[in-house]
Amino acid sequence: SHFMTLLHLETLVELQEVARRLRRPPEELEAQGWALLELQARSSAPRRGGKKKAGKKAKGGNKTQIVFDIPSRVDVSRLRIRPGDLVLLSRESPLDVRAGEG
């Protein structure tokens, strides 16, 4: 349908924007609030995904919540990342090393 085509195009534009942003130096991304570097995980816990509807469990699979300590150098008010946002975690450059894709 026309609506699905528009959604697909919007997704492609968003993916191109993310790829373009990731080509910038990591320090620049952190200064602009798009990235947090050298994070240390404080804790992690498994969570069940999905909500129950009319007695049935919704699809969503298993999820893991990870809590990070934010370095004191970071001005949290400048972050563009908000609670609930999907984020990309990488030990290396996510454009060069794509081991986590699936």
C-alpha atoms as a PDB file:
ATOM      1  CA  SER A   1       0.000   0.000   0.000  1.00  0.00           C
ATOM      2  CA  HIS A   2       0.969   3.628  -0.356  1.00  0.00           C
ATOM      3  CA  PHE A   3       1.224   4.055   3.419  1.00  0.00           C
ATOM      4  CA  MET A   4       3.660   1.126   3.759  1.00  0.00           C
ATOM      5  CA  THR A   5       5.821   2.553   0.983  1.00  0.00           C
ATOM      6  CA  LEU A   6       6.014   5.884   2.815  1.00  0.00           C
ATOM      7  CA  LEU A   7       6.952   4.149   6.069  1.00  0.00           C
ATOM      8  CA  HIS A   8       9.679   2.203   4.282  1.00  0.00           C
ATOM      9  CA  LEU A   9      11.085   5.380   2.726  1.00  0.00           C
ATOM     10  CA  GLU A  10      11.048   7.141   6.085  1.00  0.00           C
ATOM     11  CA  THR A  11      12.968   4.242   7.637  1.00  0.00           C
ATOM     12  CA  LEU A  12      15.581   4.359   4.871  1.00  0.00           C
ATOM     13  CA  VAL A  13      16.090   8.095   5.399  1.00  0.00           C
ATOM     14  CA  GLU A  14      16.511   7.556   9.158  1.00  0.00           C
ATOM     15  CA  LEU A  15      19.056   4.774   8.590  1.00  0.00           C
ATOM     16  CA  GLN A  16      21.053   6.982   6.223  1.00  0.00           C
ATOM     17  CA  GLU A  17      21.062   9.745   8.836  1.00  0.00           C
ATOM     18  CA  VAL A  18      22.370   7.358  11.501  1.00  0.00           C
ATOM     19  CA  ALA A  19      25.099   6.048   9.158  1.00  0.00           C
ATOM     20  CA  ARG A  20      26.108   9.633   8.274  1.00  0.00           C
ATOM     21  CA  ARG A  21      26.226  10.582  11.955  1.00  0.00           C
ATOM     22  CA  LEU A  22      28.363   7.546  12.846  1.00  0.00           C
ATOM     23  CA  ARG A  23      31.039   8.645  10.364  1.00  0.00           C
ATOM     24  CA  ARG A  24      31.834  11.643  12.598  1.00  0.00           C
ATOM     25  CA  PRO A  25      34.562  11.351  15.240  1.00  0.00           C
ATOM     26  CA  PRO A  26      33.217   9.737  18.441  1.00  0.00           C
ATOM     27  CA  GLU A  27      34.372  12.687  20.567  1.00  0.00           C
ATOM     28  CA  GLU A  28      32.329  15.054  18.372  1.00  0.00           C
ATOM     29  CA  LEU A  29      29.257  12.821  18.730  1.00  0.00           C
ATOM     30  CA  GLU A  30      29.655  12.825  22.509  1.00  0.00           C
ATOM     31  CA  ALA A  31      30.093  16.629  22.599  1.00  0.00           C
ATOM     32  CA  GLN A  32      26.865  17.014  20.588  1.00  0.00           C
ATOM     33  CA  GLY A  33      24.929  14.650  22.859  1.00  0.00           C
ATOM     34  CA  TRP A  34      24.585  11.803  20.332  1.00  0.00           C
ATOM     35  CA  ALA A  35      26.963   9.365  22.053  1.00  0.00           C
ATOM     36  CA  LEU A  36      28.343   8.335  25.428  1.00  0.00           C
ATOM     37  CA  LEU A  37      31.890   6.997  25.377  1.00  0.00           C
ATOM     38  CA  GLU A  38      33.657   4.631  27.759  1.00  0.00           C
ATOM     39  CA  LEU A  39      30.530   3.661  29.696  1.00  0.00           C
ATOM     40  CA  GLN A  40      30.771   1.124  32.496  1.00  0.00           C
ATOM     41  CA  ALA A  41      27.864  -1.230  33.081  1.00  0.00           C
ATOM     42  CA  ARG A  42      26.543  -1.086  36.639  1.00  0.00           C
ATOM     43  CA  SER A  43      24.039  -3.933  36.363  1.00  0.00           C
ATOM     44  CA  SER A  44      22.003  -6.043  33.982  1.00  0.00           C
ATOM     45  CA  ALA A  45      18.775  -7.950  34.442  1.00  0.00           C
ATOM     46  CA  PRO A  46      16.615 -10.112  32.184  1.00  0.00           C
ATOM     47  CA  ARG A  47      13.153  -8.767  31.379  1.00  0.00           C
ATOM     48  CA  ARG A  48      10.212 -10.331  29.618  1.00  0.00           C
ATOM     49  CA  GLY A  49       9.146  -8.420  26.533  1.00  0.00           C
ATOM     50  CA  GLY A  50       5.620  -7.637  25.441  1.00  0.00           C
ATOM     51  CA  LYS A  51       2.437  -6.872  27.319  1.00  0.00           C
ATOM     52  CA  LYS A  52      -0.436  -9.170  28.131  1.00  0.00           C
ATOM     53  CA  LYS A  53      -3.640  -8.578  26.221  1.00  0.00           C
ATOM     54  CA  ALA A  54      -6.879 -10.322  27.162  1.00  0.00           C
ATOM     55  CA  GLY A  55      -5.032 -13.087  28.974  1.00  0.00           C
ATOM     56  CA  LYS A  56      -2.596 -13.722  26.115  1.00  0.00           C
ATOM     57  CA  LYS A  57       1.086 -12.881  26.217  1.00  0.00           C
ATOM     58  CA  ALA A  58       2.087 -10.496  23.469  1.00  0.00           C
ATOM     59  CA  LYS A  59       5.068 -11.258  21.265  1.00  0.00           C
ATOM     60  CA  GLY A  60       8.282  -9.555  22.234  1.00  0.00           C
ATOM     61  CA  GLY A  61      10.660 -12.232  23.428  1.00  0.00           C
ATOM     62  CA  ASN A  62      13.257 -11.879  26.140  1.00  0.00           C
ATOM     63  CA  LYS A  63      15.002  -8.587  26.718  1.00  0.00           C
ATOM     64  CA  THR A  64      17.865  -7.459  28.929  1.00  0.00           C
ATOM     65  CA  GLN A  65      17.961  -4.156  30.747  1.00  0.00           C
ATOM     66  CA  ILE A  66      21.478  -2.779  31.247  1.00  0.00           C
ATOM     67  CA  VAL A  67      22.162   0.115  33.607  1.00  0.00           C
ATOM     68  CA  PHE A  68      25.257   2.229  32.910  1.00  0.00           C
ATOM     69  CA  ASP A  69      27.157   4.698  35.075  1.00  0.00           C
ATOM     70  CA  ILE A  70      27.328   8.024  33.250  1.00  0.00           C
ATOM     71  CA  PRO A  71      30.788   9.646  33.525  1.00  0.00           C
ATOM     72  CA  SER A  72      30.919  12.900  35.514  1.00  0.00           C
ATOM     73  CA  ARG A  73      32.262  14.765  32.433  1.00  0.00           C
ATOM     74  CA  VAL A  74      28.881  14.286  30.677  1.00  0.00           C
ATOM     75  CA  ASP A  75      26.328  17.116  30.850  1.00  0.00           C
ATOM     76  CA  VAL A  76      23.138  15.037  31.026  1.00  0.00           C
ATOM     77  CA  SER A  77      20.979  18.033  30.057  1.00  0.00           C
ATOM     78  CA  ARG A  78      22.688  18.100  26.624  1.00  0.00           C
ATOM     79  CA  LEU A  79      22.054  14.433  25.837  1.00  0.00           C
ATOM     80  CA  ARG A  80      19.816  13.676  22.879  1.00  0.00           C
ATOM     81  CA  ILE A  81      19.368  10.143  24.204  1.00  0.00           C
ATOM     82  CA  ARG A  82      16.272   9.713  26.367  1.00  0.00           C
ATOM     83  CA  PRO A  83      14.988   6.860  28.554  1.00  0.00           C
ATOM     84  CA  GLY A  84      13.346   4.245  26.367  1.00  0.00           C
ATOM     85  CA  ASP A  85      15.300   5.141  23.208  1.00  0.00           C
ATOM     86  CA  LEU A  86      16.795   2.307  21.215  1.00  0.00           C
ATOM     87  CA  VAL A  87      20.568   2.610  21.258  1.00  0.00           C
ATOM     88  CA  LEU A  88      23.524   0.968  19.565  1.00  0.00           C
ATOM     89  CA  LEU A  89      26.167  -0.553  21.835  1.00  0.00           C
ATOM     90  CA  SER A  90      29.590  -1.177  20.351  1.00  0.00           C
ATOM     91  CA  ARG A  91      33.089  -1.869  21.636  1.00  0.00           C
ATOM     92  CA  GLU A  92      34.463  -0.757  18.278  1.00  0.00           C
ATOM     93  CA  SER A  93      33.257   1.254  15.297  1.00  0.00           C
ATOM     94  CA  PRO A  94      29.704   0.036  14.555  1.00  0.00           C
ATOM     95  CA  LEU A  95      30.125   0.834  10.847  1.00  0.00           C
ATOM     96  CA  ASP A  96      33.236  -1.341  10.565  1.00  0.00           C
ATOM     97  CA  VAL A  97      32.410  -4.197  12.967  1.00  0.00           C
ATOM     98  CA  ARG A  98      28.881  -5.559  12.494  1.00  0.00           C
ATOM     99  CA  ALA A  99      29.094  -8.704  14.607  1.00  0.00           C
ATOM    100  CA  GLY A 100      25.992  -7.751  16.587  1.00  0.00           C
ATOM    101  CA  GLU A 101      23.692  -7.515  13.565  1.00  0.00           C
ATOM    102  CA  GLY A 102      21.209 -10.235  13.068  1.00  0.00           C
END
